C-alpha atoms as a PDB file:
ATOM      1  CA  UNK A   1      -3.879 -16.959  32.171  1.00  0.00           C
ATOM      2  CA  UNK A   2      -7.595 -16.643  30.968  1.00  0.00           C
ATOM      3  CA  UNK A   3      -7.292 -20.064  29.353  1.00  0.00           C
ATOM      4  CA  UNK A   4      -6.494 -21.635  32.793  1.00  0.00           C
ATOM      5  CA  UNK A   5      -9.499 -19.708  34.494  1.00  0.00           C
ATOM      6  CA  UNK A   6     -11.875 -20.663  31.720  1.00  0.00           C
ATOM      7  CA  UNK A   7     -10.841 -24.297  31.859  1.00  0.00           C
ATOM      8  CA  UNK A   8     -11.303 -24.443  35.625  1.00  0.00           C
ATOM      9  CA  UNK A   9     -14.635 -22.904  35.319  1.00  0.00           C
ATOM     10  CA  UNK A  10     -15.682 -25.280  32.657  1.00  0.00           C
ATOM     11  CA  UNK A  11     -14.475 -28.306  34.754  1.00  0.00           C
ATOM     12  CA  UNK A  12     -16.474 -26.996  37.584  1.00  0.00           C
ATOM     13  CA  UNK A  13     -19.591 -26.722  35.498  1.00  0.00           C
ATOM     14  CA  UNK A  14     -19.108 -30.259  34.323  1.00  0.00           C
ATOM     15  CA  UNK A  15     -18.583 -31.569  37.818  1.00  0.00           C
ATOM     16  CA  UNK A  16     -21.785 -29.839  38.991  1.00  0.00           C
ATOM     17  CA  UNK A  17     -23.637 -31.366  36.189  1.00  0.00           C
ATOM     18  CA  UNK A  18     -22.422 -34.857  36.991  1.00  0.00           C
ATOM     19  CA  UNK A  19     -23.235 -34.360  40.680  1.00  0.00           C
ATOM     20  CA  UNK A  20     -26.760 -33.242  39.848  1.00  0.00           C
ATOM     21  CA  UNK A  21     -27.376 -36.285  37.562  1.00  0.00           C
ATOM     22  CA  UNK A  22     -26.056 -38.657  40.297  1.00  0.00           C
ATOM     23  CA  UNK A  23     -28.291 -36.876  43.005  1.00  0.00           C
ATOM     24  CA  UNK A  24     -31.204 -37.376  40.874  1.00  0.00           C
ATOM     25  CA  UNK A  25     -30.468 -40.964  40.054  1.00  0.00           C
ATOM     26  CA  UNK A  26     -30.077 -41.721  43.731  1.00  0.00           C
ATOM     27  CA  UNK A  27     -33.225 -39.814  44.687  1.00  0.00           C
ATOM     28  CA  UNK A  28     -35.209 -41.909  42.068  1.00  0.00           C
ATOM     29  CA  UNK A  29     -33.752 -45.078  43.434  1.00  0.00           C
ATOM     30  CA  UNK A  30     -34.660 -43.942  46.961  1.00  0.00           C
ATOM     31  CA  UNK A  31     -38.366 -43.014  46.060  1.00  0.00           C
ATOM     32  CA  UNK A  32     -38.519 -46.554  44.580  1.00  0.00           C
ATOM     33  CA  UNK A  33     -37.126 -48.219  47.705  1.00  0.00           C
ATOM     34  CA  UNK A  34     -39.501 -46.110  49.899  1.00  0.00           C
ATOM     35  CA  UNK A  35     -42.487 -47.433  47.835  1.00  0.00           C
ATOM     36  CA  UNK A  36     -41.553 -51.004  47.878  1.00  0.00           C
ATOM     37  CA  UNK A  37     -39.792 -51.402  50.931  1.00  0.00           C
ATOM     38  CA  UNK A  38     -40.807 -54.173  53.389  1.00  0.00           C
ATOM     39  CA  UNK A  39     -38.384 -53.003  55.973  1.00  0.00           C
ATOM     40  CA  UNK A  40     -35.850 -55.820  55.539  1.00  0.00           C
ATOM     41  CA  UNK A  41     -32.372 -55.231  57.156  1.00  0.00           C
ATOM     42  CA  UNK A  42     -30.610 -55.094  53.797  1.00  0.00           C
ATOM     43  CA  UNK A  43     -33.206 -52.672  52.397  1.00  0.00           C
ATOM     44  CA  UNK A  44     -33.007 -50.353  55.329  1.00  0.00           C
ATOM     45  CA  UNK A  45     -29.147 -50.478  55.075  1.00  0.00           C
ATOM     46  CA  UNK A  46     -29.424 -49.555  51.405  1.00  0.00           C
ATOM     47  CA  UNK A  47     -31.742 -46.695  51.957  1.00  0.00           C
ATOM     48  CA  UNK A  48     -29.453 -45.236  54.738  1.00  0.00           C
ATOM     49  CA  UNK A  49     -26.507 -45.626  52.466  1.00  0.00           C
ATOM     50  CA  UNK A  50     -28.207 -43.828  49.640  1.00  0.00           C
ATOM     51  CA  UNK A  51     -29.508 -41.079  51.871  1.00  0.00           C
ATOM     52  CA  UNK A  52     -25.804 -40.620  53.097  1.00  0.00           C
ATOM     53  CA  UNK A  53     -24.557 -40.473  49.614  1.00  0.00           C
ATOM     54  CA  UNK A  54     -27.179 -37.980  48.457  1.00  0.00           C
ATOM     55  CA  UNK A  55     -26.207 -35.695  51.481  1.00  0.00           C
ATOM     56  CA  UNK A  56     -22.491 -35.933  50.520  1.00  0.00           C
ATOM     57  CA  UNK A  57     -23.224 -35.128  46.964  1.00  0.00           C
ATOM     58  CA  UNK A  58     -25.290 -32.051  47.863  1.00  0.00           C
ATOM     59  CA  UNK A  59     -22.223 -30.995  50.242  1.00  0.00           C
ATOM     60  CA  UNK A  60     -20.063 -31.324  47.143  1.00  0.00           C
ATOM     61  CA  UNK A  61     -22.353 -29.452  44.899  1.00  0.00           C
ATOM     62  CA  UNK A  62     -22.698 -26.610  47.525  1.00  0.00           C
ATOM     63  CA  UNK A  63     -19.012 -26.429  47.794  1.00  0.00           C
ATOM     64  CA  UNK A  64     -18.484 -25.995  44.222  1.00  0.00           C
ATOM     65  CA  UNK A  65     -21.310 -23.383  44.046  1.00  0.00           C
ATOM     66  CA  UNK A  66     -19.750 -21.357  46.802  1.00  0.00           C
ATOM     67  CA  UNK A  67     -16.441 -21.395  45.074  1.00  0.00           C
ATOM     68  CA  UNK A  68     -17.976 -19.739  42.080  1.00  0.00           C
ATOM     69  CA  UNK A  69     -19.679 -17.074  44.049  1.00  0.00           C
END
């Protein structure tokens, strides 16, 4: 029984680490896009998409964090 609980906790920790890495990567890309953006339609679409992905990743991270508390 304890092994199953420990395994689930470890799995959640690994997922949190992956989410944080993904968020940081997307935020870095977004910062770059903000700094060089010339407001072309494709760039605006990409920026909007990246912002949405970041929001979704933060929601997942919050959900996992709430489950642990």
